[in-house]
Amino acid sequence: MCANIGSRTRLDFTVIGPAVNRAGRLQTLPKPLGRTELLSCAFADFVESDFDLERVVEYTVRGFNDPTELFAFHG
């Protein structure tokens, strides 16, 4: 969800929700896994016809029960 959040004297336009929480936690993983970037399964499905991707790992994000498959650009 995206919206102005705050009080009358201070509003911030921001995004909140499970997708944002998951993305925030996933963004810390490329460096420890020796990658410059990682793609979630959902995004990999979206771009797979345009790029050669390889499956890197399945990772359970803190706060979520279902593991997330992570992909990287091959090569």
PDB file of N, CA and C in Angstrom:
ATOM      1  N   MET A   1       0.854  -1.160   0.000  1.00  0.00           N
ATOM      2  CA  MET A   1       0.000   0.000   0.000  1.00  0.00           C
ATOM      3  C   MET A   1       0.904   1.229   0.000  1.00  0.00           C
ATOM      4  N   CYS A   2       0.540   2.213  -0.766  1.00  0.00           N
ATOM      5  CA  CYS A   2       1.269   3.475  -0.754  1.00  0.00           C
ATOM      6  C   CYS A   2       0.286   4.590  -0.392  1.00  0.00           C
ATOM      7  N   ALA A   3       0.786   5.512   0.405  1.00  0.00           N
ATOM      8  CA  ALA A   3      -0.078   6.593   0.866  1.00  0.00           C
ATOM      9  C   ALA A   3       0.749   7.629   1.622  1.00  0.00           C
ATOM     10  N   ASN A   4       0.101   8.761   1.917  1.00  0.00           N
ATOM     11  CA  ASN A   4       0.661   9.729   2.840  1.00  0.00           C
ATOM     12  C   ASN A   4       0.368   9.228   4.247  1.00  0.00           C
ATOM     13  N   ILE A   5       1.405   9.079   5.028  1.00  0.00           N
ATOM     14  CA  ILE A   5       1.248   8.543   6.377  1.00  0.00           C
ATOM     15  C   ILE A   5       1.875   9.520   7.354  1.00  0.00           C
ATOM     16  N   GLY A   6       1.200   9.745   8.466  1.00  0.00           N
ATOM     17  CA  GLY A   6       1.738  10.626   9.487  1.00  0.00           C
ATOM     18  C   GLY A   6       0.649  11.421  10.157  1.00  0.00           C
ATOM     19  N   SER A   7       0.987  12.647  10.525  1.00  0.00           N
ATOM     20  CA  SER A   7       0.047  13.521  11.219  1.00  0.00           C
ATOM     21  C   SER A   7      -0.194  14.777  10.386  1.00  0.00           C
ATOM     22  N   ARG A   8      -1.013  15.672  10.882  1.00  0.00           N
ATOM     23  CA  ARG A   8      -1.308  16.915  10.163  1.00  0.00           C
ATOM     24  C   ARG A   8      -0.067  17.759   9.937  1.00  0.00           C
ATOM     25  N   THR A   9       0.853  17.710  10.886  1.00  0.00           N
ATOM     26  CA  THR A   9       2.041  18.557  10.787  1.00  0.00           C
ATOM     27  C   THR A   9       3.193  17.894  10.045  1.00  0.00           C
ATOM     28  N   ARG A  10       3.109  16.574   9.881  1.00  0.00           N
ATOM     29  CA  ARG A  10       4.191  15.883   9.171  1.00  0.00           C
ATOM     30  C   ARG A  10       3.638  14.668   8.437  1.00  0.00           C
ATOM     31  N   LEU A  11       3.629  14.757   7.124  1.00  0.00           N
ATOM     32  CA  LEU A  11       3.195  13.649   6.291  1.00  0.00           C
ATOM     33  C   LEU A  11       4.368  13.146   5.466  1.00  0.00           C
ATOM     34  N   ASP A  12       4.462  11.855   5.324  1.00  0.00           N
ATOM     35  CA  ASP A  12       5.460  11.237   4.458  1.00  0.00           C
ATOM     36  C   ASP A  12       4.735  10.340   3.487  1.00  0.00           C
ATOM     37  N   PHE A  13       5.094  10.434   2.212  1.00  0.00           N
ATOM     38  CA  PHE A  13       4.565   9.506   1.235  1.00  0.00           C
ATOM     39  C   PHE A  13       5.446   8.273   1.304  1.00  0.00           C
ATOM     40  N   THR A  14       4.863   7.128   1.556  1.00  0.00           N
ATOM     41  CA  THR A  14       5.651   5.923   1.753  1.00  0.00           C
ATOM     42  C   THR A  14       4.874   4.695   1.303  1.00  0.00           C
ATOM     43  N   VAL A  15       5.548   3.572   1.282  1.00  0.00           N
ATOM     44  CA  VAL A  15       4.912   2.292   0.992  1.00  0.00           C
ATOM     45  C   VAL A  15       5.095   1.385   2.198  1.00  0.00           C
ATOM     46  N   ILE A  16       4.067   0.599   2.488  1.00  0.00           N
ATOM     47  CA  ILE A  16       4.126  -0.324   3.610  1.00  0.00           C
ATOM     48  C   ILE A  16       3.474  -1.633   3.192  1.00  0.00           C
ATOM     49  N   GLY A  17       3.770  -2.669   3.926  1.00  0.00           N
ATOM     50  CA  GLY A  17       3.120  -3.943   3.680  1.00  0.00           C
ATOM     51  C   GLY A  17       4.107  -5.085   3.581  1.00  0.00           C
ATOM     52  N   PRO A  18       3.593  -6.303   3.459  1.00  0.00           N
ATOM     53  CA  PRO A  18       4.443  -7.492   3.425  1.00  0.00           C
ATOM     54  C   PRO A  18       5.467  -7.486   2.284  1.00  0.00           C
ATOM     55  N   ALA A  19       5.092  -7.030   1.110  1.00  0.00           N
ATOM     56  CA  ALA A  19       6.030  -7.023  -0.018  1.00  0.00           C
ATOM     57  C   ALA A  19       7.225  -6.105   0.266  1.00  0.00           C
ATOM     58  N   VAL A  20       6.961  -4.981   0.905  1.00  0.00           N
ATOM     59  CA  VAL A  20       8.027  -4.047   1.246  1.00  0.00           C
ATOM     60  C   VAL A  20       8.928  -4.654   2.311  1.00  0.00           C
ATOM     61  N   ASN A  21       8.341  -5.309   3.296  1.00  0.00           N
ATOM     62  CA  ASN A  21       9.132  -5.953   4.345  1.00  0.00           C
ATOM     63  C   ASN A  21      10.024  -7.040   3.761  1.00  0.00           C
ATOM     64  N   ARG A  22       9.464  -7.869   2.875  1.00  0.00           N
ATOM     65  CA  ARG A  22      10.247  -8.948   2.261  1.00  0.00           C
ATOM     66  C   ARG A  22      11.383  -8.364   1.420  1.00  0.00           C
ATOM     67  N   ALA A  23      11.080  -7.371   0.610  1.00  0.00           N
ATOM     68  CA  ALA A  23      12.106  -6.749  -0.235  1.00  0.00           C
ATOM     69  C   ALA A  23      13.226  -6.139   0.600  1.00  0.00           C
ATOM     70  N   GLY A  24      12.866  -5.505   1.696  1.00  0.00           N
ATOM     71  CA  GLY A  24      13.866  -4.916   2.573  1.00  0.00           C
ATOM     72  C   GLY A  24      14.806  -5.952   3.160  1.00  0.00           C
ATOM     73  N   ARG A  25      14.281  -7.100   3.481  1.00  0.00           N
ATOM     74  CA  ARG A  25      15.119  -8.157   4.038  1.00  0.00           C
ATOM     75  C   ARG A  25      15.946  -8.856   2.958  1.00  0.00           C
ATOM     76  N   LEU A  26      15.385  -8.994   1.774  1.00  0.00           N
ATOM     77  CA  LEU A  26      16.114  -9.638   0.681  1.00  0.00           C
ATOM     78  C   LEU A  26      17.262  -8.775   0.162  1.00  0.00           C
ATOM     79  N   GLN A  27      17.138  -7.466   0.278  1.00  0.00           N
ATOM     80  CA  GLN A  27      18.166  -6.586  -0.275  1.00  0.00           C
ATOM     81  C   GLN A  27      19.504  -6.707   0.444  1.00  0.00           C
ATOM     82  N   THR A  28      19.527  -7.332   1.602  1.00  0.00           N
ATOM     83  CA  THR A  28      20.784  -7.500   2.338  1.00  0.00           C
ATOM     84  C   THR A  28      21.543  -8.760   1.919  1.00  0.00           C
ATOM     85  N   LEU A  29      20.962  -9.608   1.073  1.00  0.00           N
ATOM     86  CA  LEU A  29      21.542 -10.917   0.772  1.00  0.00           C
ATOM     87  C   LEU A  29      22.573 -10.986  -0.355  1.00  0.00           C
ATOM     88  N   PRO A  30      22.558 -10.119  -1.351  1.00  0.00           N
ATOM     89  CA  PRO A  30      23.510 -10.313  -2.448  1.00  0.00           C
ATOM     90  C   PRO A  30      24.973 -10.391  -2.007  1.00  0.00           C
ATOM     91  N   LYS A  31      25.416  -9.487  -1.187  1.00  0.00           N
ATOM     92  CA  LYS A  31      26.827  -9.464  -0.799  1.00  0.00           C
ATOM     93  C   LYS A  31      27.249 -10.748  -0.079  1.00  0.00           C
ATOM     94  N   PRO A  32      26.514 -11.207   0.949  1.00  0.00           N
ATOM     95  CA  PRO A  32      26.927 -12.456   1.607  1.00  0.00           C
ATOM     96  C   PRO A  32      26.905 -13.672   0.671  1.00  0.00           C
ATOM     97  N   LEU A  33      26.089 -13.605  -0.371  1.00  0.00           N
ATOM     98  CA  LEU A  33      26.007 -14.719  -1.319  1.00  0.00           C
ATOM     99  C   LEU A  33      26.947 -14.531  -2.509  1.00  0.00           C
ATOM    100  N   GLY A  34      27.777 -13.482  -2.459  1.00  0.00           N
ATOM    101  CA  GLY A  34      28.759 -13.248  -3.512  1.00  0.00           C
ATOM    102  C   GLY A  34      28.162 -12.794  -4.826  1.00  0.00           C
ATOM    103  N   ARG A  35      27.054 -12.092  -4.767  1.00  0.00           N
ATOM    104  CA  ARG A  35      26.368 -11.605  -5.974  1.00  0.00           C
ATOM    105  C   ARG A  35      26.259 -10.091  -5.929  1.00  0.00           C
ATOM    106  N   THR A  36      26.107  -9.494  -7.091  1.00  0.00           N
ATOM    107  CA  THR A  36      25.876  -8.050  -7.128  1.00  0.00           C
ATOM    108  C   THR A  36      24.392  -7.738  -7.054  1.00  0.00           C
ATOM    109  N   GLU A  37      23.556  -8.695  -7.474  1.00  0.00           N
ATOM    110  CA  GLU A  37      22.110  -8.528  -7.375  1.00  0.00           C
ATOM    111  C   GLU A  37      21.458  -9.898  -7.306  1.00  0.00           C
ATOM    112  N   LEU A  38      20.271  -9.920  -6.740  1.00  0.00           N
ATOM    113  CA  LEU A  38      19.448 -11.128  -6.685  1.00  0.00           C
ATOM    114  C   LEU A  38      18.044 -10.756  -7.117  1.00  0.00           C
ATOM    115  N   LEU A  39      17.358 -11.714  -7.698  1.00  0.00           N
ATOM    116  CA  LEU A  39      15.985 -11.505  -8.141  1.00  0.00           C
ATOM    117  C   LEU A  39      15.082 -12.482  -7.400  1.00  0.00           C
ATOM    118  N   SER A  40      13.954 -12.009  -6.942  1.00  0.00           N
ATOM    119  CA  SER A  40      12.973 -12.904  -6.338  1.00  0.00           C
ATOM    120  C   SER A  40      12.367 -13.759  -7.441  1.00  0.00           C
ATOM    121  N   CYS A  41      11.743 -14.835  -7.059  1.00  0.00           N
ATOM    122  CA  CYS A  41      11.100 -15.724  -8.017  1.00  0.00           C
ATOM    123  C   CYS A  41      10.044 -14.970  -8.821  1.00  0.00           C
ATOM    124  N   ALA A  42       9.272 -14.136  -8.159  1.00  0.00           N
ATOM    125  CA  ALA A  42       8.220 -13.383  -8.850  1.00  0.00           C
ATOM    126  C   ALA A  42       8.809 -12.491  -9.928  1.00  0.00           C
ATOM    127  N   PHE A  43       9.915 -11.804  -9.623  1.00  0.00           N
ATOM    128  CA  PHE A  43      10.525 -10.934 -10.620  1.00  0.00           C
ATOM    129  C   PHE A  43      11.227 -11.743 -11.697  1.00  0.00           C
ATOM    130  N   ALA A  44      11.866 -12.842 -11.308  1.00  0.00           N
ATOM    131  CA  ALA A  44      12.525 -13.711 -12.288  1.00  0.00           C
ATOM    132  C   ALA A  44      11.513 -14.252 -13.291  1.00  0.00           C
ATOM    133  N   ASP A  45      10.335 -14.633 -12.824  1.00  0.00           N
ATOM    134  CA  ASP A  45       9.283 -15.100 -13.733  1.00  0.00           C
ATOM    135  C   ASP A  45       8.900 -14.016 -14.738  1.00  0.00           C
ATOM    136  N   PHE A  46       8.932 -12.775 -14.291  1.00  0.00           N
ATOM    137  CA  PHE A  46       8.543 -11.645 -15.126  1.00  0.00           C
ATOM    138  C   PHE A  46       9.561 -11.379 -16.239  1.00  0.00           C
ATOM    139  N   VAL A  47      10.867 -11.591 -15.944  1.00  0.00           N
ATOM    140  CA  VAL A  47      11.914 -11.235 -16.911  1.00  0.00           C
ATOM    141  C   VAL A  47      12.637 -12.435 -17.525  1.00  0.00           C
ATOM    142  N   GLU A  48      12.231 -13.651 -17.189  1.00  0.00           N
ATOM    143  CA  GLU A  48      12.997 -14.827 -17.603  1.00  0.00           C
ATOM    144  C   GLU A  48      13.152 -14.965 -19.111  1.00  0.00           C
ATOM    145  N   SER A  49      12.212 -14.473 -19.883  1.00  0.00           N
ATOM    146  CA  SER A  49      12.326 -14.599 -21.335  1.00  0.00           C
ATOM    147  C   SER A  49      13.372 -13.634 -21.910  1.00  0.00           C
ATOM    148  N   ASP A  50      13.761 -12.631 -21.152  1.00  0.00           N
ATOM    149  CA  ASP A  50      14.723 -11.635 -21.630  1.00  0.00           C
ATOM    150  C   ASP A  50      16.158 -11.874 -21.155  1.00  0.00           C
ATOM    151  N   PHE A  51      16.336 -12.721 -20.137  1.00  0.00           N
ATOM    152  CA  PHE A  51      17.657 -12.909 -19.543  1.00  0.00           C
ATOM    153  C   PHE A  51      17.916 -14.378 -19.253  1.00  0.00           C
ATOM    154  N   ASP A  52      19.200 -14.736 -19.220  1.00  0.00           N
ATOM    155  CA  ASP A  52      19.609 -16.072 -18.817  1.00  0.00           C
ATOM    156  C   ASP A  52      19.817 -16.038 -17.300  1.00  0.00           C
ATOM    157  N   LEU A  53      18.930 -16.691 -16.567  1.00  0.00           N
ATOM    158  CA  LEU A  53      18.969 -16.650 -15.111  1.00  0.00           C
ATOM    159  C   LEU A  53      19.384 -17.997 -14.537  1.00  0.00           C
ATOM    160  N   GLU A  54      19.978 -17.953 -13.362  1.00  0.00           N
ATOM    161  CA  GLU A  54      20.296 -19.180 -12.642  1.00  0.00           C
ATOM    162  C   GLU A  54      19.710 -19.110 -11.235  1.00  0.00           C
ATOM    163  N   ARG A  55      19.236 -20.259 -10.771  1.00  0.00           N
ATOM    164  CA  ARG A  55      18.707 -20.346  -9.406  1.00  0.00           C
ATOM    165  C   ARG A  55      19.889 -20.344  -8.455  1.00  0.00           C
ATOM    166  N   VAL A  56      19.845 -19.493  -7.442  1.00  0.00           N
ATOM    167  CA  VAL A  56      20.959 -19.357  -6.506  1.00  0.00           C
ATOM    168  C   VAL A  56      20.674 -20.100  -5.210  1.00  0.00           C
ATOM    169  N   VAL A  57      19.524 -19.826  -4.612  1.00  0.00           N
ATOM    170  CA  VAL A  57      19.226 -20.404  -3.298  1.00  0.00           C
ATOM    171  C   VAL A  57      17.745 -20.219  -3.001  1.00  0.00           C
ATOM    172  N   GLU A  58      17.253 -21.009  -2.081  1.00  0.00           N
ATOM    173  CA  GLU A  58      15.915 -20.807  -1.536  1.00  0.00           C
ATOM    174  C   GLU A  58      16.121 -20.315  -0.112  1.00  0.00           C
ATOM    175  N   TYR A  59      15.535 -19.185   0.215  1.00  0.00           N
ATOM    176  CA  TYR A  59      15.811 -18.516   1.481  1.00  0.00           C
ATOM    177  C   TYR A  59      14.508 -18.199   2.198  1.00  0.00           C
ATOM    178  N   THR A  60      14.465 -18.513   3.480  1.00  0.00           N
ATOM    179  CA  THR A  60      13.290 -18.169   4.291  1.00  0.00           C
ATOM    180  C   THR A  60      13.557 -16.832   4.970  1.00  0.00           C
ATOM    181  N   VAL A  61      12.792 -15.849   4.594  1.00  0.00           N
ATOM    182  CA  VAL A  61      12.929 -14.494   5.113  1.00  0.00           C
ATOM    183  C   VAL A  61      12.319 -14.426   6.504  1.00  0.00           C
ATOM    184  N   ARG A  62      13.035 -13.758   7.408  1.00  0.00           N
ATOM    185  CA  ARG A  62      12.533 -13.575   8.774  1.00  0.00           C
ATOM    186  C   ARG A  62      11.158 -12.926   8.723  1.00  0.00           C
ATOM    187  N   GLY A  63      10.201 -13.527   9.423  1.00  0.00           N
ATOM    188  CA  GLY A  63       8.851 -12.989   9.474  1.00  0.00           C
ATOM    189  C   GLY A  63       7.904 -13.584   8.451  1.00  0.00           C
ATOM    190  N   PHE A  64       8.419 -14.475   7.592  1.00  0.00           N
ATOM    191  CA  PHE A  64       7.604 -15.110   6.566  1.00  0.00           C
ATOM    192  C   PHE A  64       7.791 -16.624   6.653  1.00  0.00           C
ATOM    193  N   ASN A  65       6.720 -17.369   6.481  1.00  0.00           N
ATOM    194  CA  ASN A  65       6.792 -18.826   6.568  1.00  0.00           C
ATOM    195  C   ASN A  65       7.259 -19.481   5.283  1.00  0.00           C
ATOM    196  N   ASP A  66       6.874 -18.916   4.162  1.00  0.00           N
ATOM    197  CA  ASP A  66       7.199 -19.541   2.881  1.00  0.00           C
ATOM    198  C   ASP A  66       8.568 -19.082   2.383  1.00  0.00           C
ATOM    199  N   PRO A  67       9.414 -20.026   1.964  1.00  0.00           N
ATOM    200  CA  PRO A  67      10.738 -19.641   1.450  1.00  0.00           C
ATOM    201  C   PRO A  67      10.606 -18.947   0.092  1.00  0.00           C
ATOM    202  N   THR A  68      11.596 -18.119  -0.210  1.00  0.00           N
ATOM    203  CA  THR A  68      11.647 -17.391  -1.460  1.00  0.00           C
ATOM    204  C   THR A  68      12.804 -17.918  -2.296  1.00  0.00           C
ATOM    205  N   GLU A  69      12.521 -18.335  -3.520  1.00  0.00           N
ATOM    206  CA  GLU A  69      13.591 -18.735  -4.431  1.00  0.00           C
ATOM    207  C   GLU A  69      14.258 -17.473  -4.951  1.00  0.00           C
ATOM    208  N   LEU A  70      15.577 -17.475  -4.959  1.00  0.00           N
ATOM    209  CA  LEU A  70      16.328 -16.324  -5.434  1.00  0.00           C
ATOM    210  C   LEU A  70      17.142 -16.705  -6.665  1.00  0.00           C
ATOM    211  N   PHE A  71      17.179 -15.797  -7.620  1.00  0.00           N
ATOM    212  CA  PHE A  71      17.849 -16.023  -8.887  1.00  0.00           C
ATOM    213  C   PHE A  71      18.856 -14.903  -9.132  1.00  0.00           C
ATOM    214  N   ALA A  72      19.812 -15.177 -10.033  1.00  0.00           N
ATOM    215  CA  ALA A  72      20.780 -14.172 -10.449  1.00  0.00           C
ATOM    216  C   ALA A  72      20.963 -14.287 -11.954  1.00  0.00           C
ATOM    217  N   PHE A  73      21.533 -13.241 -12.523  1.00  0.00           N
ATOM    218  CA  PHE A  73      21.843 -13.284 -13.943  1.00  0.00           C
ATOM    219  C   PHE A  73      22.989 -14.260 -14.139  1.00  0.00           C
ATOM    220  N   HIS A  74      22.872 -15.144 -15.099  1.00  0.00           N
ATOM    221  CA  HIS A  74      23.886 -16.152 -15.373  1.00  0.00           C
ATOM    222  C   HIS A  74      25.041 -15.516 -16.123  1.00  0.00           C
ATOM    223  N   GLY A  75      26.236 -15.860 -15.672  1.00  0.00           N
ATOM    224  CA  GLY A  75      27.408 -15.404 -16.421  1.00  0.00           C
ATOM    225  C   GLY A  75      28.259 -14.460 -15.733  1.00  0.00           C
TER     226      GLY A  75
END
